């Protein structure tokens, strides 16, 4: 083999960017496909023509389920003059919760009532799935 004097063969090495661009495009596709798209929510602006003054204010008493425990441990539901029996407490709570899921249970015991009735109402409310149970001051 002959070498040509004076000429040196130089290997010009270059960086091939094609595989790097392929990886970048694959990552871009991956992030676009897996990104969660947020839905924009808008608040409707009330105009001065739409006046809701003729609507009655919401009734807050309907939001609560009121149990009053009487002097002789009778259970009165939402001010109804007819007392209910202990086995009807859970079914009444289920019915009133179905009508208004945002309702909360309020228990108002009498000073001379027993704790057993109070605990029974609280247990029935918890079994019905009520999370907001309050006990107010006895009358």
N, C-alpha and C. Protein backbone atom coordinates (compact mmCIF):
# COMPACT_ATOMS: atom_id res chain seq x y z
N UNK A 1 0.81 -1.16 0.00
CA UNK A 1 0.00 0.00 0.00
C UNK A 1 0.87 1.24 0.00
N UNK A 2 0.39 2.12 -0.75
CA UNK A 2 1.12 3.37 -0.88
C UNK A 2 0.47 4.48 -0.10
N UNK A 3 1.28 5.24 0.51
CA UNK A 3 0.77 6.43 1.17
C UNK A 3 1.10 7.62 0.31
N UNK A 4 0.15 8.45 0.29
CA UNK A 4 0.39 9.66 -0.47
C UNK A 4 1.03 10.65 0.47
N UNK A 5 2.18 11.07 0.06
CA UNK A 5 2.92 11.97 0.91
C UNK A 5 2.27 13.34 0.92
N UNK A 6 2.18 13.91 2.06
CA UNK A 6 1.66 15.25 2.20
C UNK A 6 0.14 15.30 2.43
N UNK A 7 -0.50 14.28 2.09
CA UNK A 7 -1.94 14.28 2.33
C UNK A 7 -2.26 13.41 3.52
N UNK A 8 -2.86 13.99 4.45
CA UNK A 8 -3.31 13.24 5.60
C UNK A 8 -4.83 13.15 5.54
N UNK A 9 -5.27 12.02 5.80
CA UNK A 9 -6.71 11.82 5.77
C UNK A 9 -7.28 12.18 7.14
N UNK A 10 -8.07 13.21 7.17
CA UNK A 10 -8.67 13.62 8.43
C UNK A 10 -10.13 13.18 8.43
N UNK A 11 -10.49 12.58 9.50
CA UNK A 11 -11.88 12.14 9.66
C UNK A 11 -12.65 13.25 10.35
N UNK A 12 -13.50 13.86 9.62
CA UNK A 12 -14.29 14.93 10.21
C UNK A 12 -15.46 14.31 10.95
N UNK A 13 -15.38 14.33 12.24
CA UNK A 13 -16.45 13.76 13.06
C UNK A 13 -17.48 14.83 13.36
N UNK A 14 -18.73 14.51 13.18
CA UNK A 14 -19.81 15.45 13.47
C UNK A 14 -20.83 14.80 14.41
N UNK A 15 -21.58 15.63 15.01
CA UNK A 15 -22.61 15.15 15.92
C UNK A 15 -23.89 14.97 15.11
N UNK A 16 -24.43 13.76 15.16
CA UNK A 16 -25.67 13.47 14.46
C UNK A 16 -26.84 13.80 15.40
N UNK A 17 -27.61 14.81 15.04
CA UNK A 17 -28.70 15.28 15.89
C UNK A 17 -30.03 14.55 15.64
N UNK A 18 -30.09 13.69 14.68
CA UNK A 18 -31.34 13.02 14.34
C UNK A 18 -31.89 12.17 15.49
N UNK A 19 -31.08 11.33 16.15
CA UNK A 19 -31.66 10.56 17.27
C UNK A 19 -32.12 11.44 18.42
N UNK A 20 -31.41 12.55 18.67
CA UNK A 20 -31.82 13.43 19.74
C UNK A 20 -33.16 14.11 19.41
N UNK A 21 -33.35 14.51 18.16
CA UNK A 21 -34.62 15.11 17.76
C UNK A 21 -35.75 14.09 17.84
N UNK A 22 -35.48 12.85 17.51
CA UNK A 22 -36.50 11.82 17.63
C UNK A 22 -36.93 11.65 19.09
N UNK A 23 -35.99 11.65 19.99
CA UNK A 23 -36.31 11.50 21.42
C UNK A 23 -37.11 12.70 21.90
N UNK A 24 -36.75 13.89 21.48
CA UNK A 24 -37.47 15.09 21.90
C UNK A 24 -38.91 15.06 21.39
N UNK A 25 -39.11 14.67 20.14
CA UNK A 25 -40.46 14.60 19.60
C UNK A 25 -41.29 13.51 20.29
N UNK A 26 -40.69 12.40 20.62
CA UNK A 26 -41.40 11.35 21.34
C UNK A 26 -41.81 11.84 22.72
N UNK A 27 -40.92 12.54 23.43
CA UNK A 27 -41.27 13.10 24.74
C UNK A 27 -42.38 14.15 24.62
N UNK A 28 -42.31 14.96 23.58
CA UNK A 28 -43.35 15.97 23.38
C UNK A 28 -44.70 15.30 23.15
N UNK A 29 -44.74 14.29 22.34
CA UNK A 29 -46.00 13.57 22.10
C UNK A 29 -46.50 12.93 23.39
N UNK A 30 -45.60 12.35 24.17
CA UNK A 30 -45.98 11.72 25.43
C UNK A 30 -46.61 12.73 26.38
N UNK A 31 -45.99 13.90 26.54
CA UNK A 31 -46.53 14.89 27.46
C UNK A 31 -47.84 15.50 26.97
N UNK A 32 -48.00 15.65 25.68
CA UNK A 32 -49.25 16.19 25.16
C UNK A 32 -50.39 15.19 25.36
N UNK A 33 -50.11 13.92 25.14
CA UNK A 33 -51.16 12.91 25.27
C UNK A 33 -51.54 12.70 26.73
N UNK A 34 -50.58 12.73 27.64
CA UNK A 34 -50.88 12.43 29.05
C UNK A 34 -51.25 13.66 29.86
N UNK A 35 -51.19 14.83 29.28
CA UNK A 35 -51.52 16.05 30.04
C UNK A 35 -53.01 16.08 30.34
N UNK A 36 -53.34 16.56 31.52
CA UNK A 36 -54.75 16.72 31.86
C UNK A 36 -55.17 18.12 31.43
N UNK A 37 -56.26 18.16 30.74
CA UNK A 37 -56.75 19.44 30.27
C UNK A 37 -57.75 19.98 31.28
N UNK A 38 -57.54 21.17 31.73
CA UNK A 38 -58.41 21.79 32.71
C UNK A 38 -59.57 22.46 32.01
N UNK A 39 -60.76 22.20 32.51
CA UNK A 39 -61.92 22.85 31.94
C UNK A 39 -62.10 24.19 32.64
N UNK A 40 -62.31 25.18 31.88
CA UNK A 40 -62.47 26.51 32.44
C UNK A 40 -63.91 26.69 32.91
N UNK A 41 -64.05 27.23 34.09
CA UNK A 41 -65.39 27.50 34.60
C UNK A 41 -65.61 29.00 34.57
N UNK A 42 -66.81 29.35 34.25
CA UNK A 42 -67.15 30.77 34.17
C UNK A 42 -68.24 31.09 35.18
N UNK A 43 -68.18 32.28 35.67
CA UNK A 43 -69.21 32.76 36.59
C UNK A 43 -70.13 33.66 35.80
N UNK A 44 -71.41 33.35 35.88
CA UNK A 44 -72.36 34.17 35.13
C UNK A 44 -72.56 35.49 35.88
N UNK A 45 -72.41 36.55 35.18
CA UNK A 45 -72.58 37.87 35.77
C UNK A 45 -74.05 38.24 35.75
N UNK A 46 -74.55 38.65 36.88
CA UNK A 46 -75.96 39.03 36.97
C UNK A 46 -76.12 40.44 36.46
N UNK A 47 -77.05 40.61 35.56
CA UNK A 47 -77.30 41.94 35.04
C UNK A 47 -78.28 42.67 35.95
N UNK A 48 -78.41 43.96 35.72
CA UNK A 48 -79.33 44.74 36.55
C UNK A 48 -80.78 44.45 36.19
N UNK A 49 -81.03 43.89 34.99
CA UNK A 49 -82.39 43.55 34.59
C UNK A 49 -82.91 42.33 35.34
N UNK A 50 -82.01 41.43 35.72
CA UNK A 50 -82.41 40.19 36.39
C UNK A 50 -82.39 40.42 37.89
N UNK A 51 -83.47 40.90 38.42
CA UNK A 51 -83.56 41.20 39.84
C UNK A 51 -84.31 40.08 40.55
N UNK A 52 -83.68 39.44 41.51
CA UNK A 52 -84.29 38.32 42.22
C UNK A 52 -84.89 38.75 43.55
N UNK A 53 -85.31 39.99 43.66
CA UNK A 53 -85.85 40.45 44.93
C UNK A 53 -87.23 39.87 45.22
N UNK A 54 -87.92 39.37 44.18
CA UNK A 54 -89.25 38.81 44.41
C UNK A 54 -89.18 37.37 44.93
N UNK A 55 -88.01 36.74 44.93
CA UNK A 55 -87.87 35.38 45.45
C UNK A 55 -87.71 35.42 46.97
N UNK A 56 -88.34 34.49 47.67
CA UNK A 56 -88.17 34.47 49.12
C UNK A 56 -86.78 33.98 49.48
N UNK A 57 -86.26 34.43 50.61
CA UNK A 57 -84.93 33.96 51.03
C UNK A 57 -85.00 32.47 51.37
N UNK A 58 -83.89 31.76 51.23
CA UNK A 58 -83.92 30.33 51.55
C UNK A 58 -84.23 30.10 53.02
N UNK A 59 -84.99 29.07 53.28
CA UNK A 59 -85.41 28.74 54.63
C UNK A 59 -84.35 27.88 55.29
N UNK A 60 -83.66 28.42 56.28
CA UNK A 60 -82.58 27.69 56.94
C UNK A 60 -83.10 26.59 57.86
N UNK A 61 -84.34 26.69 58.30
CA UNK A 61 -84.88 25.67 59.18
C UNK A 61 -85.06 24.34 58.45
N UNK A 62 -85.29 24.39 57.17
CA UNK A 62 -85.45 23.17 56.40
C UNK A 62 -84.11 22.45 56.22
N UNK A 63 -83.03 23.13 56.44
CA UNK A 63 -81.72 22.52 56.27
C UNK A 63 -81.35 21.64 57.47
N UNK A 64 -81.98 21.85 58.59
CA UNK A 64 -81.63 21.13 59.80
C UNK A 64 -82.70 20.11 60.15
N UNK A 65 -82.25 19.03 60.79
CA UNK A 65 -83.16 18.03 61.34
C UNK A 65 -83.09 18.20 62.85
N UNK A 66 -84.16 18.70 63.43
CA UNK A 66 -84.18 19.04 64.85
C UNK A 66 -84.89 17.95 65.64
N UNK A 67 -84.16 17.37 66.59
CA UNK A 67 -84.74 16.42 67.54
C UNK A 67 -84.79 17.09 68.90
N UNK A 68 -85.98 17.13 69.48
CA UNK A 68 -86.13 17.63 70.84
C UNK A 68 -86.45 16.45 71.73
N UNK A 69 -85.72 16.35 72.82
CA UNK A 69 -85.98 15.28 73.78
C UNK A 69 -86.74 15.91 74.94
N UNK A 70 -87.94 15.43 75.17
CA UNK A 70 -88.81 16.02 76.18
C UNK A 70 -88.47 15.58 77.59
N UNK A 71 -89.26 16.06 78.51
CA UNK A 71 -89.03 15.81 79.93
C UNK A 71 -89.16 14.32 80.26
N UNK A 72 -90.05 13.61 79.59
CA UNK A 72 -90.26 12.18 79.85
C UNK A 72 -89.60 11.33 78.77
N UNK A 73 -88.53 11.81 78.17
CA UNK A 73 -87.76 11.13 77.11
C UNK A 73 -88.56 10.92 75.83
N UNK A 74 -89.58 11.71 75.59
CA UNK A 74 -90.27 11.61 74.31
C UNK A 74 -89.44 12.36 73.26
N UNK A 75 -89.45 11.84 72.04
CA UNK A 75 -88.64 12.39 70.96
C UNK A 75 -89.56 13.14 70.01
N UNK A 76 -89.30 14.42 69.83
CA UNK A 76 -90.10 15.27 68.96
C UNK A 76 -89.22 15.67 67.77
N UNK A 77 -89.71 15.43 66.57
CA UNK A 77 -88.94 15.70 65.35
C UNK A 77 -89.45 16.96 64.68
N UNK A 78 -88.58 17.93 64.49
CA UNK A 78 -88.87 19.19 63.78
C UNK A 78 -90.11 19.91 64.30
N UNK A 79 -90.31 19.90 65.61
CA UNK A 79 -91.41 20.63 66.22
C UNK A 79 -92.77 20.01 66.03
N UNK A 80 -92.83 18.80 65.50
CA UNK A 80 -94.10 18.11 65.32
C UNK A 80 -94.70 17.82 66.69
N UNK A 81 -95.97 18.15 66.92
CA UNK A 81 -96.53 17.95 68.26
C UNK A 81 -96.66 16.48 68.64
N UNK A 82 -96.63 15.59 67.68
CA UNK A 82 -96.76 14.17 67.98
C UNK A 82 -95.36 13.54 68.10
N UNK A 83 -95.01 12.99 69.26
CA UNK A 83 -93.68 12.40 69.42
C UNK A 83 -93.54 11.11 68.61
N UNK A 84 -92.29 10.78 68.28
CA UNK A 84 -92.01 9.54 67.55
C UNK A 84 -91.38 8.54 68.51
N UNK A 85 -91.42 7.27 68.13
CA UNK A 85 -90.81 6.24 68.98
C UNK A 85 -89.36 6.04 68.54
N UNK A 86 -88.59 5.41 69.39
CA UNK A 86 -87.15 5.29 69.16
C UNK A 86 -86.81 4.50 67.90
N UNK A 87 -87.65 3.55 67.50
CA UNK A 87 -87.34 2.77 66.31
C UNK A 87 -87.59 3.54 65.02
N UNK A 88 -88.26 4.67 65.09
CA UNK A 88 -88.54 5.47 63.90
C UNK A 88 -87.49 6.54 63.65
N UNK A 89 -86.54 6.70 64.55
CA UNK A 89 -85.57 7.78 64.42
C UNK A 89 -84.73 7.61 63.16
N UNK A 90 -84.18 6.42 62.95
CA UNK A 90 -83.29 6.18 61.81
C UNK A 90 -84.02 6.35 60.49
N UNK A 91 -85.24 5.83 60.39
CA UNK A 91 -85.98 5.96 59.13
C UNK A 91 -86.35 7.41 58.84
N UNK A 92 -86.66 8.18 59.88
CA UNK A 92 -86.95 9.60 59.68
C UNK A 92 -85.72 10.37 59.23
N UNK A 93 -84.57 10.03 59.80
CA UNK A 93 -83.33 10.70 59.38
C UNK A 93 -83.03 10.36 57.93
N UNK A 94 -83.18 9.07 57.55
CA UNK A 94 -82.93 8.68 56.15
C UNK A 94 -83.85 9.44 55.19
N UNK A 95 -85.11 9.57 55.55
CA UNK A 95 -86.06 10.26 54.69
C UNK A 95 -85.72 11.74 54.57
N UNK A 96 -85.42 12.40 55.67
CA UNK A 96 -85.11 13.83 55.63
C UNK A 96 -83.75 14.10 54.96
N UNK A 97 -82.83 13.16 55.10
CA UNK A 97 -81.54 13.32 54.43
C UNK A 97 -81.69 13.16 52.92
N UNK A 98 -82.58 12.28 52.48
CA UNK A 98 -82.84 12.12 51.05
C UNK A 98 -83.45 13.39 50.46
N UNK A 99 -84.29 14.07 51.24
CA UNK A 99 -84.90 15.31 50.77
C UNK A 99 -83.88 16.44 50.72
N UNK A 100 -82.96 16.47 51.68
CA UNK A 100 -81.95 17.53 51.74
C UNK A 100 -80.63 16.94 52.21
N UNK A 101 -79.73 16.59 51.27
CA UNK A 101 -78.46 15.96 51.66
C UNK A 101 -77.55 16.87 52.47
N UNK A 102 -77.75 18.18 52.41
CA UNK A 102 -76.89 19.11 53.15
C UNK A 102 -77.39 19.36 54.56
N UNK A 103 -78.39 18.61 55.00
CA UNK A 103 -78.97 18.83 56.32
C UNK A 103 -78.01 18.39 57.42
N UNK A 104 -78.17 18.99 58.57
CA UNK A 104 -77.41 18.58 59.74
C UNK A 104 -78.39 18.25 60.86
N UNK A 105 -77.95 17.39 61.78
CA UNK A 105 -78.81 16.96 62.87
C UNK A 105 -78.52 17.83 64.09
N UNK A 106 -79.58 18.36 64.68
CA UNK A 106 -79.47 19.16 65.90
C UNK A 106 -80.33 18.48 66.96
N UNK A 107 -79.73 18.24 68.11
CA UNK A 107 -80.44 17.57 69.20
C UNK A 107 -80.53 18.55 70.37
N UNK A 108 -81.76 18.74 70.87
CA UNK A 108 -81.99 19.63 72.00
C UNK A 108 -82.63 18.82 73.12
N UNK A 109 -81.84 18.39 74.09
CA UNK A 109 -82.40 17.59 75.18
C UNK A 109 -83.01 18.48 76.26
N UNK A 110 -83.90 17.89 77.03
CA UNK A 110 -84.47 18.56 78.19
C UNK A 110 -83.53 18.30 79.37
N UNK A 111 -83.57 19.17 80.38
CA UNK A 111 -82.69 19.01 81.54
C UNK A 111 -82.91 17.69 82.27
N UNK A 112 -84.13 17.20 82.29
CA UNK A 112 -84.42 15.98 83.04
C UNK A 112 -84.45 14.73 82.15
N UNK A 113 -84.08 14.82 80.87
CA UNK A 113 -84.06 13.64 80.00
C UNK A 113 -82.80 12.83 80.26
N UNK A 114 -82.84 11.56 79.84
CA UNK A 114 -81.70 10.68 80.08
C UNK A 114 -80.71 10.73 78.91
N UNK A 115 -79.50 10.33 79.22
CA UNK A 115 -78.43 10.35 78.23
C UNK A 115 -78.63 9.24 77.20
N UNK A 116 -79.29 8.14 77.58
CA UNK A 116 -79.46 7.01 76.67
C UNK A 116 -80.22 7.42 75.41
N UNK A 117 -81.23 8.26 75.56
CA UNK A 117 -82.01 8.70 74.40
C UNK A 117 -81.15 9.59 73.50
N UNK A 118 -80.36 10.45 74.11
CA UNK A 118 -79.46 11.32 73.35
C UNK A 118 -78.47 10.49 72.55
N UNK A 119 -77.86 9.50 73.18
CA UNK A 119 -76.87 8.65 72.51
C UNK A 119 -77.54 7.82 71.42
N UNK A 120 -78.75 7.36 71.64
CA UNK A 120 -79.47 6.58 70.65
C UNK A 120 -79.73 7.41 69.39
N UNK A 121 -80.11 8.67 69.57
CA UNK A 121 -80.35 9.55 68.41
C UNK A 121 -79.04 9.82 67.68
N UNK A 122 -77.96 10.05 68.42
CA UNK A 122 -76.66 10.29 67.79
C UNK A 122 -76.19 9.07 67.01
N UNK A 123 -76.36 7.87 67.58
CA UNK A 123 -75.97 6.65 66.88
C UNK A 123 -76.80 6.44 65.62
N UNK A 124 -78.09 6.70 65.70
CA UNK A 124 -78.95 6.55 64.53
C UNK A 124 -78.54 7.52 63.43
N UNK A 125 -78.18 8.74 63.82
CA UNK A 125 -77.75 9.73 62.83
C UNK A 125 -76.44 9.31 62.18
N UNK A 126 -75.51 8.80 62.95
CA UNK A 126 -74.23 8.34 62.38
C UNK A 126 -74.44 7.14 61.47
N UNK A 127 -75.33 6.23 61.85
CA UNK A 127 -75.61 5.07 61.00
C UNK A 127 -76.27 5.49 59.69
N UNK A 128 -77.00 6.59 59.72
CA UNK A 128 -77.64 7.10 58.50
C UNK A 128 -76.66 7.88 57.63
N UNK A 129 -75.43 8.06 58.10
CA UNK A 129 -74.43 8.75 57.31
C UNK A 129 -74.33 10.24 57.57
N UNK A 130 -74.93 10.71 58.63
CA UNK A 130 -74.86 12.13 58.95
C UNK A 130 -73.51 12.42 59.61
N UNK A 131 -72.84 13.46 59.15
CA UNK A 131 -71.54 13.81 59.71
C UNK A 131 -71.60 15.02 60.62
N UNK A 132 -72.62 15.86 60.42
CA UNK A 132 -72.73 17.08 61.21
C UNK A 132 -73.85 16.90 62.24
N UNK A 133 -73.46 16.56 63.46
CA UNK A 133 -74.42 16.35 64.54
C UNK A 133 -74.09 17.34 65.65
N UNK A 134 -75.07 18.12 66.06
CA UNK A 134 -74.85 19.13 67.10
C UNK A 134 -75.83 18.93 68.24
N UNK A 135 -75.35 19.24 69.44
CA UNK A 135 -76.19 19.22 70.62
C UNK A 135 -76.28 20.64 71.13
N UNK A 136 -77.51 21.14 71.24
CA UNK A 136 -77.70 22.52 71.71
C UNK A 136 -78.07 22.50 73.18
N UNK A 137 -78.05 23.66 73.77
CA UNK A 137 -78.28 23.81 75.19
C UNK A 137 -79.68 23.34 75.58
N UNK A 138 -79.78 22.61 76.67
CA UNK A 138 -81.11 22.13 77.11
C UNK A 138 -82.01 23.30 77.46
N UNK A 139 -83.30 23.05 77.34
CA UNK A 139 -84.26 24.11 77.67
C UNK A 139 -84.73 23.95 79.09
